[in-house]
PDB file of N, CA and C in Angstrom:
ATOM      1  N   MET A   1      58.360 -31.287 -13.590  1.00  0.00           N
ATOM      2  CA  MET A   1      58.899 -32.558 -14.045  1.00  0.00           C
ATOM      3  C   MET A   1      60.160 -32.288 -14.865  1.00  0.00           C
ATOM      4  N   VAL A   2      61.152 -33.089 -14.668  1.00  0.00           N
ATOM      5  CA  VAL A   2      62.418 -32.982 -15.382  1.00  0.00           C
ATOM      6  C   VAL A   2      62.241 -33.552 -16.790  1.00  0.00           C
ATOM      7  N   ALA A   3      62.763 -32.851 -17.795  1.00  0.00           N
ATOM      8  CA  ALA A   3      62.640 -33.303 -19.180  1.00  0.00           C
ATOM      9  C   ALA A   3      63.208 -34.718 -19.330  1.00  0.00           C
ATOM     10  N   GLY A   4      62.451 -35.579 -19.992  1.00  0.00           N
ATOM     11  CA  GLY A   4      62.896 -36.942 -20.251  1.00  0.00           C
ATOM     12  C   GLY A   4      62.798 -37.878 -19.062  1.00  0.00           C
ATOM     13  N   PHE A   5      62.265 -37.390 -17.944  1.00  0.00           N
ATOM     14  CA  PHE A   5      62.227 -38.187 -16.716  1.00  0.00           C
ATOM     15  C   PHE A   5      61.422 -39.472 -16.899  1.00  0.00           C
ATOM     16  N   LEU A   6      60.338 -39.407 -17.649  1.00  0.00           N
ATOM     17  CA  LEU A   6      59.481 -40.584 -17.805  1.00  0.00           C
ATOM     18  C   LEU A   6      60.132 -41.681 -18.631  1.00  0.00           C
ATOM     19  N   ALA A   7      61.188 -41.357 -19.370  1.00  0.00           N
ATOM     20  CA  ALA A   7      61.906 -42.369 -20.147  1.00  0.00           C
ATOM     21  C   ALA A   7      62.877 -43.177 -19.282  1.00  0.00           C
ATOM     22  N   ILE A   8      63.093 -42.749 -18.062  1.00  0.00           N
ATOM     23  CA  ILE A   8      63.990 -43.429 -17.132  1.00  0.00           C
ATOM     24  C   ILE A   8      63.221 -44.597 -16.500  1.00  0.00           C
ATOM     25  N   PRO A   9      63.864 -45.771 -16.334  1.00  0.00           N
ATOM     26  CA  PRO A   9      63.166 -46.888 -15.687  1.00  0.00           C
ATOM     27  C   PRO A   9      62.536 -46.466 -14.351  1.00  0.00           C
ATOM     28  N   THR A  10      61.356 -46.982 -14.080  1.00  0.00           N
ATOM     29  CA  THR A  10      60.575 -46.576 -12.903  1.00  0.00           C
ATOM     30  C   THR A  10      61.354 -46.711 -11.604  1.00  0.00           C
ATOM     31  N   HIS A  11      62.058 -47.820 -11.395  1.00  0.00           N
ATOM     32  CA  HIS A  11      62.784 -48.001 -10.137  1.00  0.00           C
ATOM     33  C   HIS A  11      63.921 -46.975 -10.013  1.00  0.00           C
ATOM     34  N   VAL A  12      64.496 -46.567 -11.119  1.00  0.00           N
ATOM     35  CA  VAL A  12      65.545 -45.537 -11.085  1.00  0.00           C
ATOM     36  C   VAL A  12      64.912 -44.167 -10.815  1.00  0.00           C
ATOM     37  N   GLN A  13      63.753 -43.906 -11.397  1.00  0.00           N
ATOM     38  CA  GLN A  13      63.026 -42.667 -11.094  1.00  0.00           C
ATOM     39  C   GLN A  13      62.780 -42.558  -9.592  1.00  0.00           C
ATOM     40  N   HIS A  14      62.292 -43.645  -9.005  1.00  0.00           N
ATOM     41  CA  HIS A  14      61.998 -43.651  -7.564  1.00  0.00           C
ATOM     42  C   HIS A  14      63.266 -43.404  -6.747  1.00  0.00           C
ATOM     43  N   ALA A  15      64.361 -44.040  -7.141  1.00  0.00           N
ATOM     44  CA  ALA A  15      65.624 -43.869  -6.420  1.00  0.00           C
ATOM     45  C   ALA A  15      66.104 -42.416  -6.500  1.00  0.00           C
ATOM     46  N   LEU A  16      66.033 -41.827  -7.674  1.00  0.00           N
ATOM     47  CA  LEU A  16      66.466 -40.437  -7.851  1.00  0.00           C
ATOM     48  C   LEU A  16      65.572 -39.480  -7.062  1.00  0.00           C
ATOM     49  N   ASN A  17      64.260 -39.723  -7.099  1.00  0.00           N
ATOM     50  CA  ASN A  17      63.324 -38.900  -6.321  1.00  0.00           C
ATOM     51  C   ASN A  17      63.602 -38.991  -4.826  1.00  0.00           C
ATOM     52  N   LEU A  18      63.807 -40.210  -4.340  1.00  0.00           N
ATOM     53  CA  LEU A  18      64.078 -40.411  -2.915  1.00  0.00           C
ATOM     54  C   LEU A  18      65.343 -39.676  -2.493  1.00  0.00           C
ATOM     55  N   ALA A  19      66.409 -39.827  -3.259  1.00  0.00           N
ATOM     56  CA  ALA A  19      67.679 -39.168  -2.921  1.00  0.00           C
ATOM     57  C   ALA A  19      67.544 -37.652  -2.965  1.00  0.00           C
ATOM     58  N   SER A  20      66.864 -37.157  -3.987  1.00  0.00           N
ATOM     59  CA  SER A  20      66.655 -35.719  -4.130  1.00  0.00           C
ATOM     60  C   SER A  20      65.893 -35.157  -2.929  1.00  0.00           C
ATOM     61  N   THR A  21      64.831 -35.836  -2.562  1.00  0.00           N
ATOM     62  CA  THR A  21      63.994 -35.394  -1.437  1.00  0.00           C
ATOM     63  C   THR A  21      64.724 -35.535  -0.105  1.00  0.00           C
ATOM     64  N   THR A  22      65.424 -36.635   0.086  1.00  0.00           N
ATOM     65  CA  THR A  22      66.103 -36.893   1.351  1.00  0.00           C
ATOM     66  C   THR A  22      67.190 -35.866   1.643  1.00  0.00           C
ATOM     67  N   TYR A  23      67.962 -35.519   0.629  1.00  0.00           N
ATOM     68  CA  TYR A  23      69.112 -34.639   0.853  1.00  0.00           C
ATOM     69  C   TYR A  23      68.955 -33.234   0.272  1.00  0.00           C
ATOM     70  N   GLY A  24      67.817 -32.953  -0.354  1.00  0.00           N
ATOM     71  CA  GLY A  24      67.579 -31.609  -0.874  1.00  0.00           C
ATOM     72  C   GLY A  24      68.441 -31.249  -2.077  1.00  0.00           C
ATOM     73  N   VAL A  25      68.865 -32.254  -2.830  1.00  0.00           N
ATOM     74  CA  VAL A  25      69.629 -32.013  -4.055  1.00  0.00           C
ATOM     75  C   VAL A  25      68.617 -31.934  -5.196  1.00  0.00           C
ATOM     76  N   PRO A  26      68.666 -30.898  -6.019  1.00  0.00           N
ATOM     77  CA  PRO A  26      67.673 -30.777  -7.096  1.00  0.00           C
ATOM     78  C   PRO A  26      67.613 -32.021  -7.988  1.00  0.00           C
ATOM     79  N   LEU A  27      66.393 -32.473  -8.250  1.00  0.00           N
ATOM     80  CA  LEU A  27      66.178 -33.658  -9.066  1.00  0.00           C
ATOM     81  C   LEU A  27      66.811 -33.499 -10.448  1.00  0.00           C
ATOM     82  N   ALA A  28      66.713 -32.326 -11.032  1.00  0.00           N
ATOM     83  CA  ALA A  28      67.284 -32.110 -12.363  1.00  0.00           C
ATOM     84  C   ALA A  28      68.791 -32.357 -12.358  1.00  0.00           C
ATOM     85  N   GLN A  29      69.462 -31.996 -11.281  1.00  0.00           N
ATOM     86  CA  GLN A  29      70.899 -32.249 -11.172  1.00  0.00           C
ATOM     87  C   GLN A  29      71.174 -33.745 -11.068  1.00  0.00           C
ATOM     88  N   MET A  30      70.398 -34.431 -10.259  1.00  0.00           N
ATOM     89  CA  MET A  30      70.566 -35.880 -10.094  1.00  0.00           C
ATOM     90  C   MET A  30      70.386 -36.583 -11.441  1.00  0.00           C
ATOM     91  N   VAL A  31      69.354 -36.215 -12.170  1.00  0.00           N
ATOM     92  CA  VAL A  31      69.078 -36.833 -13.465  1.00  0.00           C
ATOM     93  C   VAL A  31      70.206 -36.528 -14.448  1.00  0.00           C
ATOM     94  N   SER A  32      70.649 -35.288 -14.488  1.00  0.00           N
ATOM     95  CA  SER A  32      71.698 -34.882 -15.423  1.00  0.00           C
ATOM     96  C   SER A  32      72.996 -35.661 -15.202  1.00  0.00           C
ATOM     97  N   VAL A  33      73.410 -35.777 -13.957  1.00  0.00           N
ATOM     98  CA  VAL A  33      74.665 -36.469 -13.660  1.00  0.00           C
ATOM     99  C   VAL A  33      74.523 -37.975 -13.901  1.00  0.00           C
ATOM    100  N   ALA A  34      73.418 -38.576 -13.475  1.00  0.00           N
ATOM    101  CA  ALA A  34      73.209 -40.008 -13.715  1.00  0.00           C
ATOM    102  C   ALA A  34      73.158 -40.303 -15.214  1.00  0.00           C
ATOM    103  N   ARG A  35      72.521 -39.421 -15.977  1.00  0.00           N
ATOM    104  CA  ARG A  35      72.465 -39.611 -17.434  1.00  0.00           C
ATOM    105  C   ARG A  35      73.878 -39.629 -18.008  1.00  0.00           C
ATOM    106  N   CYS A  36      74.672 -38.652 -17.637  1.00  0.00           N
ATOM    107  CA  CYS A  36      76.037 -38.550 -18.141  1.00  0.00           C
ATOM    108  C   CYS A  36      76.894 -39.727 -17.682  1.00  0.00           C
ATOM    109  N   GLU A  37      76.837 -40.055 -16.404  1.00  0.00           N
ATOM    110  CA  GLU A  37      77.693 -41.100 -15.851  1.00  0.00           C
ATOM    111  C   GLU A  37      77.384 -42.482 -16.423  1.00  0.00           C
ATOM    112  N   THR A  38      76.126 -42.718 -16.813  1.00  0.00           N
ATOM    113  CA  THR A  38      75.764 -44.025 -17.371  1.00  0.00           C
ATOM    114  C   THR A  38      75.709 -44.004 -18.895  1.00  0.00           C
ATOM    115  N   GLY A  39      76.158 -42.941 -19.502  1.00  0.00           N
ATOM    116  CA  GLY A  39      76.107 -42.854 -20.960  1.00  0.00           C
ATOM    117  C   GLY A  39      74.690 -42.792 -21.494  1.00  0.00           C
ATOM    118  N   GLY A  40      73.771 -42.262 -20.680  1.00  0.00           N
ATOM    119  CA  GLY A  40      72.383 -42.098 -21.095  1.00  0.00           C
ATOM    120  C   GLY A  40      71.500 -43.310 -20.892  1.00  0.00           C
ATOM    121  N   THR A  41      72.039 -44.386 -20.324  1.00  0.00           N
ATOM    122  CA  THR A  41      71.246 -45.611 -20.160  1.00  0.00           C
ATOM    123  C   THR A  41      70.476 -45.662 -18.844  1.00  0.00           C
ATOM    124  N   PHE A  42      70.944 -44.937 -17.838  1.00  0.00           N
ATOM    125  CA  PHE A  42      70.379 -45.000 -16.483  1.00  0.00           C
ATOM    126  C   PHE A  42      70.398 -46.431 -15.955  1.00  0.00           C
ATOM    127  N   ASP A  43      71.380 -47.197 -16.388  1.00  0.00           N
ATOM    128  CA  ASP A  43      71.498 -48.588 -15.956  1.00  0.00           C
ATOM    129  C   ASP A  43      72.225 -48.639 -14.612  1.00  0.00           C
ATOM    130  N   PRO A  44      71.533 -49.060 -13.552  1.00  0.00           N
ATOM    131  CA  PRO A  44      72.170 -49.105 -12.236  1.00  0.00           C
ATOM    132  C   PRO A  44      73.308 -50.119 -12.151  1.00  0.00           C
ATOM    133  N   ARG A  45      73.433 -50.999 -13.154  1.00  0.00           N
ATOM    134  CA  ARG A  45      74.503 -51.995 -13.164  1.00  0.00           C
ATOM    135  C   ARG A  45      75.679 -51.548 -14.042  1.00  0.00           C
ATOM    136  N   SER A  46      75.703 -50.271 -14.386  1.00  0.00           N
ATOM    137  CA  SER A  46      76.811 -49.740 -15.196  1.00  0.00           C
ATOM    138  C   SER A  46      78.133 -49.955 -14.475  1.00  0.00           C
ATOM    139  N   LEU A  47      79.141 -50.340 -15.242  1.00  0.00           N
ATOM    140  CA  LEU A  47      80.460 -50.603 -14.674  1.00  0.00           C
ATOM    141  C   LEU A  47      81.534 -50.159 -15.659  1.00  0.00           C
ATOM    142  N   ASN A  48      82.486 -49.379 -15.168  1.00  0.00           N
ATOM    143  CA  ASN A  48      83.657 -48.998 -15.949  1.00  0.00           C
ATOM    144  C   ASN A  48      84.756 -49.961 -15.539  1.00  0.00           C
ATOM    145  N   ARG A  49      85.057 -50.913 -16.396  1.00  0.00           N
ATOM    146  CA  ARG A  49      86.018 -51.965 -16.046  1.00  0.00           C
ATOM    147  C   ARG A  49      87.436 -51.430 -15.846  1.00  0.00           C
ATOM    148  N   SER A  50      87.774 -50.336 -16.499  1.00  0.00           N
ATOM    149  CA  SER A  50      89.145 -49.821 -16.349  1.00  0.00           C
ATOM    150  C   SER A  50      89.357 -49.099 -15.018  1.00  0.00           C
ATOM    151  N   SER A  51      88.324 -48.400 -14.522  1.00  0.00           N
ATOM    152  CA  SER A  51      88.496 -47.656 -13.271  1.00  0.00           C
ATOM    153  C   SER A  51      87.851 -48.339 -12.071  1.00  0.00           C
ATOM    154  N   GLY A  52      86.908 -49.242 -12.344  1.00  0.00           N
ATOM    155  CA  GLY A  52      86.170 -49.883 -11.261  1.00  0.00           C
ATOM    156  C   GLY A  52      84.970 -49.073 -10.807  1.00  0.00           C
ATOM    157  N   ALA A  53      84.711 -47.931 -11.463  1.00  0.00           N
ATOM    158  CA  ALA A  53      83.558 -47.104 -11.107  1.00  0.00           C
ATOM    159  C   ALA A  53      82.275 -47.865 -11.429  1.00  0.00           C
ATOM    160  N   ALA A  54      81.292 -47.759 -10.524  1.00  0.00           N
ATOM    161  CA  ALA A  54      80.103 -48.589 -10.659  1.00  0.00           C
ATOM    162  C   ALA A  54      78.822 -47.875 -10.269  1.00  0.00           C
ATOM    163  N   GLY A  55      77.726 -48.316 -10.885  1.00  0.00           N
ATOM    164  CA  GLY A  55      76.397 -47.859 -10.525  1.00  0.00           C
ATOM    165  C   GLY A  55      75.952 -46.617 -11.269  1.00  0.00           C
ATOM    166  N   LEU A  56      74.791 -46.122 -10.880  1.00  0.00           N
ATOM    167  CA  LEU A  56      74.198 -44.946 -11.524  1.00  0.00           C
ATOM    168  C   LEU A  56      75.125 -43.742 -11.520  1.00  0.00           C
ATOM    169  N   PHE A  57      75.839 -43.563 -10.430  1.00  0.00           N
ATOM    170  CA  PHE A  57      76.694 -42.388 -10.291  1.00  0.00           C
ATOM    171  C   PHE A  57      78.178 -42.737 -10.377  1.00  0.00           C
ATOM    172  N   GLN A  58      78.471 -43.952 -10.857  1.00  0.00           N
ATOM    173  CA  GLN A  58      79.840 -44.380 -11.141  1.00  0.00           C
ATOM    174  C   GLN A  58      80.809 -44.111  -9.993  1.00  0.00           C
ATOM    175  N   PHE A  59      80.493 -44.702  -8.853  1.00  0.00           N
ATOM    176  CA  PHE A  59      81.342 -44.565  -7.671  1.00  0.00           C
ATOM    177  C   PHE A  59      82.610 -45.384  -7.811  1.00  0.00           C
ATOM    178  N   LEU A  60      83.739 -44.768  -7.537  1.00  0.00           N
ATOM    179  CA  LEU A  60      84.983 -45.512  -7.371  1.00  0.00           C
ATOM    180  C   LEU A  60      84.880 -46.262  -6.045  1.00  0.00           C
ATOM    181  N   PRO A  61      85.488 -47.422  -5.919  1.00  0.00           N
ATOM    182  CA  PRO A  61      85.386 -48.167  -4.657  1.00  0.00           C
ATOM    183  C   PRO A  61      85.807 -47.340  -3.435  1.00  0.00           C
ATOM    184  N   SER A  62      86.858 -46.553  -3.561  1.00  0.00           N
ATOM    185  CA  SER A  62      87.329 -45.750  -2.418  1.00  0.00           C
ATOM    186  C   SER A  62      86.312 -44.677  -2.019  1.00  0.00           C
ATOM    187  N   THR A  63      85.633 -44.100  -2.986  1.00  0.00           N
ATOM    188  CA  THR A  63      84.615 -43.085  -2.691  1.00  0.00           C
ATOM    189  C   THR A  63      83.380 -43.746  -2.089  1.00  0.00           C
ATOM    190  N   TRP A  64      83.000 -44.884  -2.636  1.00  0.00           N
ATOM    191  CA  TRP A  64      81.838 -45.609  -2.119  1.00  0.00           C
ATOM    192  C   TRP A  64      82.019 -45.930  -0.634  1.00  0.00           C
ATOM    193  N   ARG A  65      83.214 -46.341  -0.264  1.00  0.00           N
ATOM    194  CA  ARG A  65      83.483 -46.695   1.140  1.00  0.00           C
ATOM    195  C   ARG A  65      83.348 -45.498   2.082  1.00  0.00           C
ATOM    196  N   ARG A  66      83.421 -44.283   1.578  1.00  0.00           N
ATOM    197  CA  ARG A  66      83.311 -43.081   2.408  1.00  0.00           C
ATOM    198  C   ARG A  66      81.872 -42.644   2.645  1.00  0.00           C
ATOM    199  N   THR A  67      80.925 -43.388   2.131  1.00  0.00           N
ATOM    200  CA  THR A  67      79.521 -43.005   2.295  1.00  0.00           C
ATOM    201  C   THR A  67      78.853 -43.873   3.360  1.00  0.00           C
ATOM    202  N   PRO A  68      77.762 -43.398   3.931  1.00  0.00           N
ATOM    203  CA  PRO A  68      77.042 -44.226   4.902  1.00  0.00           C
ATOM    204  C   PRO A  68      76.282 -45.379   4.239  1.00  0.00           C
ATOM    205  N   TYR A  69      76.350 -45.477   2.915  1.00  0.00           N
ATOM    206  CA  TYR A  69      75.649 -46.521   2.181  1.00  0.00           C
ATOM    207  C   TYR A  69      76.580 -47.632   1.717  1.00  0.00           C
ATOM    208  N   SER A  70      77.814 -47.594   2.159  1.00  0.00           N
ATOM    209  CA  SER A  70      78.821 -48.552   1.689  1.00  0.00           C
ATOM    210  C   SER A  70      78.508 -50.000   2.063  1.00  0.00           C
ATOM    211  N   GLY A  71      77.637 -50.206   3.014  1.00  0.00           N
ATOM    212  CA  GLY A  71      77.237 -51.559   3.380  1.00  0.00           C
ATOM    213  C   GLY A  71      76.246 -52.175   2.396  1.00  0.00           C
ATOM    214  N   PHE A  72      75.735 -51.348   1.499  1.00  0.00           N
ATOM    215  CA  PHE A  72      74.796 -51.812   0.485  1.00  0.00           C
ATOM    216  C   PHE A  72      75.551 -52.103  -0.803  1.00  0.00           C
ATOM    217  N   ASN A  73      74.905 -52.813  -1.692  1.00  0.00           N
ATOM    218  CA  ASN A  73      75.480 -53.116  -2.995  1.00  0.00           C
ATOM    219  C   ASN A  73      75.552 -51.828  -3.822  1.00  0.00           C
ATOM    220  N   VAL A  74      76.700 -51.546  -4.389  1.00  0.00           N
ATOM    221  CA  VAL A  74      76.900 -50.332  -5.186  1.00  0.00           C
ATOM    222  C   VAL A  74      75.973 -50.301  -6.399  1.00  0.00           C
ATOM    223  N   PHE A  75      75.481 -51.468  -6.831  1.00  0.00           N
ATOM    224  CA  PHE A  75      74.588 -51.536  -7.975  1.00  0.00           C
ATOM    225  C   PHE A  75      73.112 -51.333  -7.602  1.00  0.00           C
ATOM    226  N   ASP A  76      72.823 -51.184  -6.314  1.00  0.00           N
ATOM    227  CA  ASP A  76      71.459 -50.890  -5.876  1.00  0.00           C
ATOM    228  C   ASP A  76      71.181 -49.427  -6.224  1.00  0.00           C
ATOM    229  N   PRO A  77      70.203 -49.140  -7.089  1.00  0.00           N
ATOM    230  CA  PRO A  77      69.989 -47.752  -7.500  1.00  0.00           C
ATOM    231  C   PRO A  77      69.617 -46.828  -6.349  1.00  0.00           C
ATOM    232  N   TYR A  78      68.925 -47.344  -5.346  1.00  0.00           N
ATOM    233  CA  TYR A  78      68.554 -46.514  -4.196  1.00  0.00           C
ATOM    234  C   TYR A  78      69.796 -46.135  -3.386  1.00  0.00           C
ATOM    235  N   ALA A  79      70.611 -47.109  -3.055  1.00  0.00           N
ATOM    236  CA  ALA A  79      71.824 -46.838  -2.289  1.00  0.00           C
ATOM    237  C   ALA A  79      72.765 -45.926  -3.070  1.00  0.00           C
ATOM    238  N   ASN A  80      72.902 -46.153  -4.370  1.00  0.00           N
ATOM    239  CA  ASN A  80      73.811 -45.369  -5.194  1.00  0.00           C
ATOM    240  C   ASN A  80      73.349 -43.921  -5.277  1.00  0.00           C
ATOM    241  N   ALA A  81      72.065 -43.709  -5.519  1.00  0.00           N
ATOM    242  CA  ALA A  81      71.535 -42.346  -5.612  1.00  0.00           C
ATOM    243  C   ALA A  81      71.599 -41.638  -4.258  1.00  0.00           C
ATOM    244  N   LEU A  82      71.261 -42.346  -3.185  1.00  0.00           N
ATOM    245  CA  LEU A  82      71.334 -41.744  -1.850  1.00  0.00           C
ATOM    246  C   LEU A  82      72.778 -41.382  -1.491  1.00  0.00           C
ATOM    247  N   ALA A  83      73.712 -42.242  -1.833  1.00  0.00           N
ATOM    248  CA  ALA A  83      75.123 -41.961  -1.548  1.00  0.00           C
ATOM    249  C   ALA A  83      75.597 -40.733  -2.329  1.00  0.00           C
ATOM    250  N   ALA A  84      75.173 -40.625  -3.575  1.00  0.00           N
ATOM    251  CA  ALA A  84      75.555 -39.467  -4.385  1.00  0.00           C
ATOM    252  C   ALA A  84      74.996 -38.182  -3.775  1.00  0.00           C
ATOM    253  N   ALA A  85      73.719 -38.187  -3.442  1.00  0.00           N
ATOM    254  CA  ALA A  85      73.100 -36.995  -2.862  1.00  0.00           C
ATOM    255  C   ALA A  85      73.734 -36.650  -1.509  1.00  0.00           C
ATOM    256  N   TYR A  86      74.055 -37.666  -0.732  1.00  0.00           N
ATOM    257  CA  TYR A  86      74.729 -37.446   0.555  1.00  0.00           C
ATOM    258  C   TYR A  86      76.049 -36.702   0.342  1.00  0.00           C
ATOM    259  N   LEU A  87      76.873 -37.174  -0.600  1.00  0.00           N
ATOM    260  CA  LEU A  87      78.163 -36.522  -0.845  1.00  0.00           C
ATOM    261  C   LEU A  87      77.991 -35.116  -1.413  1.00  0.00           C
ATOM    262  N   VAL A  88      77.022 -34.940  -2.291  1.00  0.00           N
ATOM    263  CA  VAL A  88      76.776 -33.606  -2.853  1.00  0.00           C
ATOM    264  C   VAL A  88      76.418 -32.634  -1.741  1.00  0.00           C
ATOM    265  N   ARG A  89      75.550 -33.053  -0.843  1.00  0.00           N
ATOM    266  CA  ARG A  89      75.123 -32.176   0.255  1.00  0.00           C
ATOM    267  C   ARG A  89      76.282 -31.953   1.230  1.00  0.00           C
ATOM    268  N   ARG A  90      76.993 -33.002   1.577  1.00  0.00           N
ATOM    269  CA  ARG A  90      78.089 -32.895   2.544  1.00  0.00           C
ATOM    270  C   ARG A  90      79.244 -32.053   2.013  1.00  0.00           C
ATOM    271  N   ASP A  91      79.581 -32.257   0.736  1.00  0.00           N
ATOM    272  CA  ASP A  91      80.736 -31.583   0.145  1.00  0.00           C
ATOM    273  C   ASP A  91      80.361 -30.318  -0.620  1.00  0.00           C
ATOM    274  N   HIS A  92      79.093 -29.934  -0.574  1.00  0.00           N
ATOM    275  CA  HIS A  92      78.619 -28.702  -1.219  1.00  0.00           C
ATOM    276  C   HIS A  92      78.830 -28.698  -2.730  1.00  0.00           C
ATOM    277  N   GLY A  93      78.508 -29.797  -3.380  1.00  0.00           N
ATOM    278  CA  GLY A  93      78.586 -29.806  -4.840  1.00  0.00           C
ATOM    279  C   GLY A  93      78.994 -31.135  -5.434  1.00  0.00           C
ATOM    280  N   TRP A  94      79.181 -31.109  -6.721  1.00  0.00           N
ATOM    281  CA  TRP A  94      79.440 -32.302  -7.514  1.00  0.00           C
ATOM    282  C   TRP A  94      80.924 -32.497  -7.792  1.00  0.00           C
ATOM    283  N   SER A  95      81.788 -32.053  -6.910  1.00  0.00           N
ATOM    284  CA  SER A  95      83.227 -32.103  -7.164  1.00  0.00           C
ATOM    285  C   SER A  95      83.783 -33.524  -7.305  1.00  0.00           C
ATOM    286  N   GLU A  96      83.105 -34.525  -6.777  1.00  0.00           N
ATOM    287  CA  GLU A  96      83.566 -35.917  -6.866  1.00  0.00           C
ATOM    288  C   GLU A  96      83.368 -36.509  -8.260  1.00  0.00           C
ATOM    289  N   TRP A  97      82.555 -35.867  -9.094  1.00  0.00           N
ATOM    290  CA  TRP A  97      82.158 -36.443 -10.366  1.00  0.00           C
ATOM    291  C   TRP A  97      82.801 -35.747 -11.559  1.00  0.00           C
ATOM    292  N   GLN A  98      83.090 -36.543 -12.567  1.00  0.00           N
ATOM    293  CA  GLN A  98      83.560 -36.021 -13.852  1.00  0.00           C
ATOM    294  C   GLN A  98      82.404 -35.281 -14.527  1.00  0.00           C
ATOM    295  N   CYS A  99      81.223 -35.902 -14.487  1.00  0.00           N
ATOM    296  CA  CYS A  99      80.024 -35.289 -15.048  1.00  0.00           C
ATOM    297  C   CYS A  99      79.438 -34.339 -14.012  1.00  0.00           C
ATOM    298  N   ARG A 100      79.080 -33.163 -14.467  1.00  0.00           N
ATOM    299  CA  ARG A 100      78.482 -32.173 -13.564  1.00  0.00           C
ATOM    300  C   ARG A 100      77.195 -31.644 -14.186  1.00  0.00           C
ATOM    301  N   PRO A 101      76.250 -31.238 -13.336  1.00  0.00           N
ATOM    302  CA  PRO A 101      74.967 -30.739 -13.884  1.00  0.00           C
ATOM    303  C   PRO A 101      75.163 -29.416 -14.626  1.00  0.00           C
TER     304      PRO A 101
END
């Protein structure tokens, strides 16, 4: 179990677990980056008004459009976590993110 995992809202826990399992990205990495990107809130509705980055993993609109999940709402924690794990697996790392595990 990842430290502090139980303090994360249940639906966000499920989304992070699903993305981790689906794409083989370590859960601890997913939790670490989501924690950093949301300022520790794990709020799937997080929004950076200056950059337009949104969701658990703070996707820029242009990056979001490059994922197979772009047809979903960026604020959906499942779509956001799956899109993040997809890019991590496809691009071999967290290079798209300011926050890194």
